[in-house]
Amino acid sequence: MLVDTPDPLRGVLIYGTAEIDYEHIYDQTFKLLETSPIIRNRPRAEQERITKAYIEAFKGAIVKVTPKRMVTFDYAKDEAWNNFLKTYIQK
């Protein structure tokens, strides 16, 4: 599994065993969304309706990864990458 951010370019690559869980998708999605400004201050019934609509729209699943090895990278600390950005990308 790869989790990364584009700006600054960094992330973590996780090697391991993955298990897909469709049974707990509502509970996990609700926990994720209830902290977001999108639904945080809405009534509970509306939060539940939005969570169900989100799941239907995006067809999500929970992927549980048991890590065996992790590799991180942070190009923001790489001199060659920063020189490339300054020279060719940034105005």
PDB file of N, CA and C in Angstrom:
ATOM      1  N   MET A   1       0.850  -1.151   0.000  1.00  0.00           N
ATOM      2  CA  MET A   1       0.000   0.000   0.000  1.00  0.00           C
ATOM      3  C   MET A   1       0.904   1.224   0.000  1.00  0.00           C
ATOM      4  N   LEU A   2       0.546   2.214  -0.801  1.00  0.00           N
ATOM      5  CA  LEU A   2       1.292   3.460  -0.873  1.00  0.00           C
ATOM      6  C   LEU A   2       0.400   4.595  -0.411  1.00  0.00           C
ATOM      7  N   VAL A   3       0.899   5.382   0.525  1.00  0.00           N
ATOM      8  CA  VAL A   3       0.220   6.591   0.974  1.00  0.00           C
ATOM      9  C   VAL A   3       1.200   7.725   0.731  1.00  0.00           C
ATOM     10  N   ASP A   4       0.781   8.719  -0.066  1.00  0.00           N
ATOM     11  CA  ASP A   4       1.697   9.808  -0.362  1.00  0.00           C
ATOM     12  C   ASP A   4       0.964  11.136  -0.448  1.00  0.00           C
ATOM     13  N   THR A   5       1.744  12.203  -0.435  1.00  0.00           N
ATOM     14  CA  THR A   5       1.230  13.547  -0.612  1.00  0.00           C
ATOM     15  C   THR A   5       1.988  14.194  -1.758  1.00  0.00           C
ATOM     16  N   PRO A   6       1.316  14.987  -2.591  1.00  0.00           N
ATOM     17  CA  PRO A   6       1.993  15.582  -3.728  1.00  0.00           C
ATOM     18  C   PRO A   6       2.827  16.816  -3.395  1.00  0.00           C
ATOM     19  N   ASP A   7       2.466  17.558  -2.360  1.00  0.00           N
ATOM     20  CA  ASP A   7       3.177  18.793  -2.072  1.00  0.00           C
ATOM     21  C   ASP A   7       3.258  19.020  -0.580  1.00  0.00           C
ATOM     22  N   PRO A   8       4.349  18.697   0.063  1.00  0.00           N
ATOM     23  CA  PRO A   8       5.598  18.201  -0.498  1.00  0.00           C
ATOM     24  C   PRO A   8       5.490  16.716  -0.840  1.00  0.00           C
ATOM     25  N   LEU A   9       6.282  16.289  -1.804  1.00  0.00           N
ATOM     26  CA  LEU A   9       6.253  14.903  -2.258  1.00  0.00           C
ATOM     27  C   LEU A   9       6.930  14.006  -1.233  1.00  0.00           C
ATOM     28  N   ARG A  10       6.101  13.278  -0.483  1.00  0.00           N
ATOM     29  CA  ARG A  10       6.603  12.337   0.509  1.00  0.00           C
ATOM     30  C   ARG A  10       5.547  11.275   0.761  1.00  0.00           C
ATOM     31  N   GLY A  11       5.965  10.195   1.403  1.00  0.00           N
ATOM     32  CA  GLY A  11       4.994   9.149   1.662  1.00  0.00           C
ATOM     33  C   GLY A  11       5.602   7.942   2.343  1.00  0.00           C
ATOM     34  N   VAL A  12       4.775   6.913   2.421  1.00  0.00           N
ATOM     35  CA  VAL A  12       5.192   5.654   3.017  1.00  0.00           C
ATOM     36  C   VAL A  12       4.672   4.516   2.131  1.00  0.00           C
ATOM     37  N   LEU A  13       5.523   3.542   1.894  1.00  0.00           N
ATOM     38  CA  LEU A  13       5.173   2.346   1.142  1.00  0.00           C
ATOM     39  C   LEU A  13       5.169   1.197   2.132  1.00  0.00           C
ATOM     40  N   ILE A  14       4.024   0.524   2.252  1.00  0.00           N
ATOM     41  CA  ILE A  14       3.865  -0.531   3.248  1.00  0.00           C
ATOM     42  C   ILE A  14       3.724  -1.873   2.527  1.00  0.00           C
ATOM     43  N   TYR A  15       4.622  -2.783   2.833  1.00  0.00           N
ATOM     44  CA  TYR A  15       4.547  -4.150   2.320  1.00  0.00           C
ATOM     45  C   TYR A  15       3.941  -5.016   3.417  1.00  0.00           C
ATOM     46  N   GLY A  16       3.015  -5.886   3.053  1.00  0.00           N
ATOM     47  CA  GLY A  16       2.414  -6.751   4.051  1.00  0.00           C
ATOM     48  C   GLY A  16       1.260  -7.534   3.477  1.00  0.00           C
ATOM     49  N   THR A  17       0.415  -8.008   4.366  1.00  0.00           N
ATOM     50  CA  THR A  17      -0.759  -8.780   3.986  1.00  0.00           C
ATOM     51  C   THR A  17      -1.986  -7.891   4.123  1.00  0.00           C
ATOM     52  N   ALA A  18      -2.802  -7.856   3.072  1.00  0.00           N
ATOM     53  CA  ALA A  18      -3.997  -7.018   3.079  1.00  0.00           C
ATOM     54  C   ALA A  18      -5.256  -7.876   3.165  1.00  0.00           C
ATOM     55  N   GLU A  19      -6.229  -7.342   3.878  1.00  0.00           N
ATOM     56  CA  GLU A  19      -7.529  -7.998   4.022  1.00  0.00           C
ATOM     57  C   GLU A  19      -8.604  -6.951   3.728  1.00  0.00           C
ATOM     58  N   ILE A  20      -9.539  -7.264   2.857  1.00  0.00           N
ATOM     59  CA  ILE A  20     -10.618  -6.336   2.524  1.00  0.00           C
ATOM     60  C   ILE A  20     -11.815  -6.627   3.413  1.00  0.00           C
ATOM     61  N   ASP A  21     -12.343  -5.570   4.020  1.00  0.00           N
ATOM     62  CA  ASP A  21     -13.468  -5.676   4.946  1.00  0.00           C
ATOM     63  C   ASP A  21     -14.623  -4.827   4.426  1.00  0.00           C
ATOM     64  N   TYR A  22     -15.695  -5.475   3.988  1.00  0.00           N
ATOM     65  CA  TYR A  22     -16.883  -4.758   3.538  1.00  0.00           C
ATOM     66  C   TYR A  22     -17.926  -4.644   4.648  1.00  0.00           C
ATOM     67  N   GLU A  23     -17.801  -5.439   5.709  1.00  0.00           N
ATOM     68  CA  GLU A  23     -18.812  -5.493   6.761  1.00  0.00           C
ATOM     69  C   GLU A  23     -18.875  -4.238   7.619  1.00  0.00           C
ATOM     70  N   HIS A  24     -17.752  -3.601   7.883  1.00  0.00           N
ATOM     71  CA  HIS A  24     -17.709  -2.470   8.808  1.00  0.00           C
ATOM     72  C   HIS A  24     -17.555  -1.128   8.102  1.00  0.00           C
ATOM     73  N   ILE A  25     -17.894  -1.092   6.812  1.00  0.00           N
ATOM     74  CA  ILE A  25     -17.681   0.118   6.025  1.00  0.00           C
ATOM     75  C   ILE A  25     -18.490   1.299   6.554  1.00  0.00           C
ATOM     76  N   TYR A  26     -19.740   1.065   6.976  1.00  0.00           N
ATOM     77  CA  TYR A  26     -20.556   2.182   7.465  1.00  0.00           C
ATOM     78  C   TYR A  26     -19.947   2.781   8.733  1.00  0.00           C
ATOM     79  N   ASP A  27     -19.620   1.945   9.705  1.00  0.00           N
ATOM     80  CA  ASP A  27     -19.079   2.437  10.974  1.00  0.00           C
ATOM     81  C   ASP A  27     -17.778   3.212  10.772  1.00  0.00           C
ATOM     82  N   GLN A  28     -16.892   2.675   9.966  1.00  0.00           N
ATOM     83  CA  GLN A  28     -15.601   3.335   9.747  1.00  0.00           C
ATOM     84  C   GLN A  28     -15.769   4.636   8.954  1.00  0.00           C
ATOM     85  N   THR A  29     -16.651   4.633   7.964  1.00  0.00           N
ATOM     86  CA  THR A  29     -16.889   5.845   7.178  1.00  0.00           C
ATOM     87  C   THR A  29     -17.513   6.920   8.047  1.00  0.00           C
ATOM     88  N   PHE A  30     -18.475   6.520   8.900  1.00  0.00           N
ATOM     89  CA  PHE A  30     -19.105   7.482   9.788  1.00  0.00           C
ATOM     90  C   PHE A  30     -18.070   8.107  10.726  1.00  0.00           C
ATOM     91  N   LYS A  31     -17.180   7.298  11.292  1.00  0.00           N
ATOM     92  CA  LYS A  31     -16.131   7.819  12.176  1.00  0.00           C
ATOM     93  C   LYS A  31     -15.233   8.815  11.451  1.00  0.00           C
ATOM     94  N   LEU A  32     -14.933   8.518  10.201  1.00  0.00           N
ATOM     95  CA  LEU A  32     -14.094   9.403   9.406  1.00  0.00           C
ATOM     96  C   LEU A  32     -14.815  10.712   9.104  1.00  0.00           C
ATOM     97  N   LEU A  33     -16.059  10.616   8.649  1.00  0.00           N
ATOM     98  CA  LEU A  33     -16.794  11.805   8.232  1.00  0.00           C
ATOM     99  C   LEU A  33     -17.260  12.674   9.401  1.00  0.00           C
ATOM    100  N   GLU A  34     -17.562  12.067  10.539  1.00  0.00           N
ATOM    101  CA  GLU A  34     -18.114  12.867  11.639  1.00  0.00           C
ATOM    102  C   GLU A  34     -17.124  13.900  12.175  1.00  0.00           C
ATOM    103  N   THR A  35     -15.846  13.715  11.901  1.00  0.00           N
ATOM    104  CA  THR A  35     -14.852  14.696  12.338  1.00  0.00           C
ATOM    105  C   THR A  35     -14.608  15.766  11.280  1.00  0.00           C
ATOM    106  N   SER A  36     -15.170  15.606  10.094  1.00  0.00           N
ATOM    107  CA  SER A  36     -14.922  16.572   9.021  1.00  0.00           C
ATOM    108  C   SER A  36     -15.914  17.733   9.100  1.00  0.00           C
ATOM    109  N   PRO A  37     -15.506  18.899   8.629  1.00  0.00           N
ATOM    110  CA  PRO A  37     -16.414  20.047   8.650  1.00  0.00           C
ATOM    111  C   PRO A  37     -17.644  19.844   7.766  1.00  0.00           C
ATOM    112  N   ILE A  38     -17.607  18.866   6.884  1.00  0.00           N
ATOM    113  CA  ILE A  38     -18.744  18.616   5.999  1.00  0.00           C
ATOM    114  C   ILE A  38     -19.989  18.242   6.793  1.00  0.00           C
ATOM    115  N   ILE A  39     -19.844  17.394   7.812  1.00  0.00           N
ATOM    116  CA  ILE A  39     -21.028  16.953   8.558  1.00  0.00           C
ATOM    117  C   ILE A  39     -20.928  17.139  10.066  1.00  0.00           C
ATOM    118  N   ARG A  40     -19.821  17.630  10.552  1.00  0.00           N
ATOM    119  CA  ARG A  40     -19.571  17.702  11.994  1.00  0.00           C
ATOM    120  C   ARG A  40     -20.688  18.377  12.785  1.00  0.00           C
ATOM    121  N   ASN A  41     -21.218  19.493  12.332  1.00  0.00           N
ATOM    122  CA  ASN A  41     -22.202  20.269  13.088  1.00  0.00           C
ATOM    123  C   ASN A  41     -23.644  20.019  12.663  1.00  0.00           C
ATOM    124  N   ARG A  42     -23.880  18.981  11.917  1.00  0.00           N
ATOM    125  CA  ARG A  42     -25.245  18.665  11.462  1.00  0.00           C
ATOM    126  C   ARG A  42     -25.919  17.714  12.449  1.00  0.00           C
ATOM    127  N   PRO A  43     -27.242  17.672  12.416  1.00  0.00           N
ATOM    128  CA  PRO A  43     -27.955  16.711  13.280  1.00  0.00           C
ATOM    129  C   PRO A  43     -27.570  15.267  12.932  1.00  0.00           C
ATOM    130  N   ARG A  44     -27.669  14.387  13.913  1.00  0.00           N
ATOM    131  CA  ARG A  44     -27.244  12.978  13.759  1.00  0.00           C
ATOM    132  C   ARG A  44     -27.930  12.306  12.565  1.00  0.00           C
ATOM    133  N   ALA A  45     -29.227  12.507  12.396  1.00  0.00           N
ATOM    134  CA  ALA A  45     -29.949  11.869  11.287  1.00  0.00           C
ATOM    135  C   ALA A  45     -29.389  12.319   9.936  1.00  0.00           C
ATOM    136  N   GLU A  46     -29.035  13.576   9.840  1.00  0.00           N
ATOM    137  CA  GLU A  46     -28.462  14.082   8.591  1.00  0.00           C
ATOM    138  C   GLU A  46     -27.053  13.532   8.381  1.00  0.00           C
ATOM    139  N   GLN A  47     -26.272  13.401   9.445  1.00  0.00           N
ATOM    140  CA  GLN A  47     -24.941  12.798   9.351  1.00  0.00           C
ATOM    141  C   GLN A  47     -25.042  11.368   8.828  1.00  0.00           C
ATOM    142  N   GLU A  48     -26.016  10.618   9.334  1.00  0.00           N
ATOM    143  CA  GLU A  48     -26.207   9.235   8.893  1.00  0.00           C
ATOM    144  C   GLU A  48     -26.627   9.176   7.427  1.00  0.00           C
ATOM    145  N   ARG A  49     -27.514  10.077   7.008  1.00  0.00           N
ATOM    146  CA  ARG A  49     -27.962  10.119   5.613  1.00  0.00           C
ATOM    147  C   ARG A  49     -26.795  10.440   4.689  1.00  0.00           C
ATOM    148  N   ILE A  50     -25.969  11.404   5.064  1.00  0.00           N
ATOM    149  CA  ILE A  50     -24.820  11.791   4.236  1.00  0.00           C
ATOM    150  C   ILE A  50     -23.806  10.652   4.175  1.00  0.00           C
ATOM    151  N   THR A  51     -23.593   9.965   5.291  1.00  0.00           N
ATOM    152  CA  THR A  51     -22.660   8.831   5.314  1.00  0.00           C
ATOM    153  C   THR A  51     -23.122   7.740   4.362  1.00  0.00           C
ATOM    154  N   LYS A  52     -24.405   7.405   4.393  1.00  0.00           N
ATOM    155  CA  LYS A  52     -24.941   6.383   3.480  1.00  0.00           C
ATOM    156  C   LYS A  52     -24.793   6.808   2.029  1.00  0.00           C
ATOM    157  N   ALA A  53     -25.055   8.095   1.736  1.00  0.00           N
ATOM    158  CA  ALA A  53     -24.915   8.599   0.369  1.00  0.00           C
ATOM    159  C   ALA A  53     -23.457   8.558  -0.081  1.00  0.00           C
ATOM    160  N   TYR A  54     -22.549   8.873   0.813  1.00  0.00           N
ATOM    161  CA  TYR A  54     -21.114   8.838   0.508  1.00  0.00           C
ATOM    162  C   TYR A  54     -20.680   7.428   0.137  1.00  0.00           C
ATOM    163  N   ILE A  55     -21.119   6.458   0.941  1.00  0.00           N
ATOM    164  CA  ILE A  55     -20.757   5.063   0.676  1.00  0.00           C
ATOM    165  C   ILE A  55     -21.307   4.609  -0.669  1.00  0.00           C
ATOM    166  N   GLU A  56     -22.537   4.988  -0.968  1.00  0.00           N
ATOM    167  CA  GLU A  56     -23.159   4.605  -2.240  1.00  0.00           C
ATOM    168  C   GLU A  56     -22.434   5.259  -3.419  1.00  0.00           C
ATOM    169  N   ALA A  57     -22.058   6.523  -3.262  1.00  0.00           N
ATOM    170  CA  ALA A  57     -21.415   7.257  -4.356  1.00  0.00           C
ATOM    171  C   ALA A  57     -19.998   6.770  -4.640  1.00  0.00           C
ATOM    172  N   PHE A  58     -19.261   6.398  -3.583  1.00  0.00           N
ATOM    173  CA  PHE A  58     -17.849   6.080  -3.766  1.00  0.00           C
ATOM    174  C   PHE A  58     -17.500   4.602  -3.646  1.00  0.00           C
ATOM    175  N   LYS A  59     -18.457   3.757  -3.317  1.00  0.00           N
ATOM    176  CA  LYS A  59     -18.248   2.300  -3.298  1.00  0.00           C
ATOM    177  C   LYS A  59     -16.959   1.905  -2.583  1.00  0.00           C
ATOM    178  N   GLY A  60     -16.818   2.327  -1.352  1.00  0.00           N
ATOM    179  CA  GLY A  60     -15.585   2.098  -0.612  1.00  0.00           C
ATOM    180  C   GLY A  60     -15.485   0.727   0.025  1.00  0.00           C
ATOM    181  N   ALA A  61     -14.329   0.459   0.510  1.00  0.00           N
ATOM    182  CA  ALA A  61     -14.042  -0.753   1.278  1.00  0.00           C
ATOM    183  C   ALA A  61     -12.943  -0.415   2.268  1.00  0.00           C
ATOM    184  N   ILE A  62     -12.834  -1.185   3.307  1.00  0.00           N
ATOM    185  CA  ILE A  62     -11.771  -1.016   4.281  1.00  0.00           C
ATOM    186  C   ILE A  62     -10.677  -2.017   3.929  1.00  0.00           C
ATOM    187  N   VAL A  63      -9.462  -1.540   3.846  1.00  0.00           N
ATOM    188  CA  VAL A  63      -8.329  -2.419   3.597  1.00  0.00           C
ATOM    189  C   VAL A  63      -7.465  -2.412   4.850  1.00  0.00           C
ATOM    190  N   LYS A  64      -7.423  -3.557   5.512  1.00  0.00           N
ATOM    191  CA  LYS A  64      -6.603  -3.700   6.714  1.00  0.00           C
ATOM    192  C   LYS A  64      -5.273  -4.308   6.292  1.00  0.00           C
ATOM    193  N   VAL A  65      -4.195  -3.606   6.599  1.00  0.00           N
ATOM    194  CA  VAL A  65      -2.870  -4.067   6.201  1.00  0.00           C
ATOM    195  C   VAL A  65      -2.085  -4.457   7.452  1.00  0.00           C
ATOM    196  N   THR A  66      -1.593  -5.685   7.439  1.00  0.00           N
ATOM    197  CA  THR A  66      -0.681  -6.130   8.489  1.00  0.00           C
ATOM    198  C   THR A  66       0.725  -5.934   7.929  1.00  0.00           C
ATOM    199  N   PRO A  67       1.422  -4.893   8.393  1.00  0.00           N
ATOM    200  CA  PRO A  67       2.709  -4.560   7.788  1.00  0.00           C
ATOM    201  C   PRO A  67       3.814  -5.556   8.110  1.00  0.00           C
ATOM    202  N   LYS A  68       4.633  -5.807   7.105  1.00  0.00           N
ATOM    203  CA  LYS A  68       5.833  -6.621   7.283  1.00  0.00           C
ATOM    204  C   LYS A  68       7.080  -5.754   7.108  1.00  0.00           C
ATOM    205  N   ARG A  69       6.942  -4.719   6.260  1.00  0.00           N
ATOM    206  CA  ARG A  69       8.070  -3.813   6.022  1.00  0.00           C
ATOM    207  C   ARG A  69       7.520  -2.478   5.549  1.00  0.00           C
ATOM    208  N   MET A  70       8.127  -1.389   5.993  1.00  0.00           N
ATOM    209  CA  MET A  70       7.694  -0.064   5.560  1.00  0.00           C
ATOM    210  C   MET A  70       8.899   0.728   5.064  1.00  0.00           C
ATOM    211  N   VAL A  71       8.669   1.489   3.995  1.00  0.00           N
ATOM    212  CA  VAL A  71       9.696   2.346   3.424  1.00  0.00           C
ATOM    213  C   VAL A  71       9.106   3.746   3.311  1.00  0.00           C
ATOM    214  N   THR A  72       9.823   4.744   3.826  1.00  0.00           N
ATOM    215  CA  THR A  72       9.343   6.116   3.726  1.00  0.00           C
ATOM    216  C   THR A  72      10.219   6.897   2.759  1.00  0.00           C
ATOM    217  N   PHE A  73       9.645   7.940   2.195  1.00  0.00           N
ATOM    218  CA  PHE A  73      10.417   8.831   1.347  1.00  0.00           C
ATOM    219  C   PHE A  73       9.926  10.255   1.551  1.00  0.00           C
ATOM    220  N   ASP A  74      10.844  11.208   1.444  1.00  0.00           N
ATOM    221  CA  ASP A  74      10.533  12.614   1.610  1.00  0.00           C
ATOM    222  C   ASP A  74      11.423  13.408   0.662  1.00  0.00           C
ATOM    223  N   TYR A  75      10.895  13.697  -0.525  1.00  0.00           N
ATOM    224  CA  TYR A  75      11.683  14.415  -1.520  1.00  0.00           C
ATOM    225  C   TYR A  75      11.913  15.871  -1.125  1.00  0.00           C
ATOM    226  N   ALA A  76      11.134  16.383  -0.150  1.00  0.00           N
ATOM    227  CA  ALA A  76      11.348  17.751   0.313  1.00  0.00           C
ATOM    228  C   ALA A  76      12.737  17.910   0.920  1.00  0.00           C
ATOM    229  N   LYS A  77      13.346  16.813   1.371  1.00  0.00           N
ATOM    230  CA  LYS A  77      14.687  16.846   1.962  1.00  0.00           C
ATOM    231  C   LYS A  77      15.787  16.544   0.948  1.00  0.00           C
ATOM    232  N   ASP A  78      15.406  16.236  -0.285  1.00  0.00           N
ATOM    233  CA  ASP A  78      16.370  15.832  -1.311  1.00  0.00           C
ATOM    234  C   ASP A  78      16.848  17.060  -2.090  1.00  0.00           C
ATOM    235  N   GLU A  79      18.144  17.306  -2.059  1.00  0.00           N
ATOM    236  CA  GLU A  79      18.713  18.487  -2.708  1.00  0.00           C
ATOM    237  C   GLU A  79      18.492  18.477  -4.224  1.00  0.00           C
ATOM    238  N   ALA A  80      18.696  17.326  -4.875  1.00  0.00           N
ATOM    239  CA  ALA A  80      18.513  17.240  -6.333  1.00  0.00           C
ATOM    240  C   ALA A  80      17.055  17.532  -6.709  1.00  0.00           C
ATOM    241  N   TRP A  81      16.111  17.002  -5.951  1.00  0.00           N
ATOM    242  CA  TRP A  81      14.688  17.231  -6.224  1.00  0.00           C
ATOM    243  C   TRP A  81      14.355  18.715  -6.056  1.00  0.00           C
ATOM    244  N   ASN A  82      14.844  19.325  -4.980  1.00  0.00           N
ATOM    245  CA  ASN A  82      14.567  20.739  -4.738  1.00  0.00           C
ATOM    246  C   ASN A  82      15.186  21.632  -5.807  1.00  0.00           C
ATOM    247  N   ASN A  83      16.385  21.292  -6.280  1.00  0.00           N
ATOM    248  CA  ASN A  83      17.001  22.045  -7.375  1.00  0.00           C
ATOM    249  C   ASN A  83      16.192  21.905  -8.657  1.00  0.00           C
ATOM    250  N   PHE A  84      15.695  20.703  -8.937  1.00  0.00           N
ATOM    251  CA  PHE A  84      14.848  20.478 -10.110  1.00  0.00           C
ATOM    252  C   PHE A  84      13.599  21.361 -10.033  1.00  0.00           C
ATOM    253  N   LEU A  85      12.938  21.369  -8.867  1.00  0.00           N
ATOM    254  CA  LEU A  85      11.729  22.183  -8.699  1.00  0.00           C
ATOM    255  C   LEU A  85      12.025  23.662  -8.910  1.00  0.00           C
ATOM    256  N   LYS A  86      13.105  24.143  -8.305  1.00  0.00           N
ATOM    257  CA  LYS A  86      13.456  25.560  -8.426  1.00  0.00           C
ATOM    258  C   LYS A  86      13.781  25.940  -9.864  1.00  0.00           C
ATOM    259  N   THR A  87      14.458  25.054 -10.570  1.00  0.00           N
ATOM    260  CA  THR A  87      14.908  25.347 -11.920  1.00  0.00           C
ATOM    261  C   THR A  87      13.809  25.216 -12.962  1.00  0.00           C
ATOM    262  N   TYR A  88      12.996  24.164 -12.871  1.00  0.00           N
ATOM    263  CA  TYR A  88      12.069  23.868 -13.962  1.00  0.00           C
ATOM    264  C   TYR A  88      10.585  24.013 -13.623  1.00  0.00           C
ATOM    265  N   ILE A  89      10.233  23.947 -12.370  1.00  0.00           N
ATOM    266  CA  ILE A  89       8.811  23.902 -12.023  1.00  0.00           C
ATOM    267  C   ILE A  89       8.310  25.209 -11.423  1.00  0.00           C
ATOM    268  N   GLN A  90       8.999  25.704 -10.414  1.00  0.00           N
ATOM    269  CA  GLN A  90       8.525  26.902  -9.719  1.00  0.00           C
ATOM    270  C   GLN A  90       8.818  28.137 -10.539  1.00  0.00           C
ATOM    271  N   LYS A  91       7.914  29.084 -10.439  1.00  0.00           N
ATOM    272  CA  LYS A  91       8.075  30.336 -11.202  1.00  0.00           C
ATOM    273  C   LYS A  91       8.918  31.325 -10.449  1.00  0.00           C
TER     274      LYS A  91
END
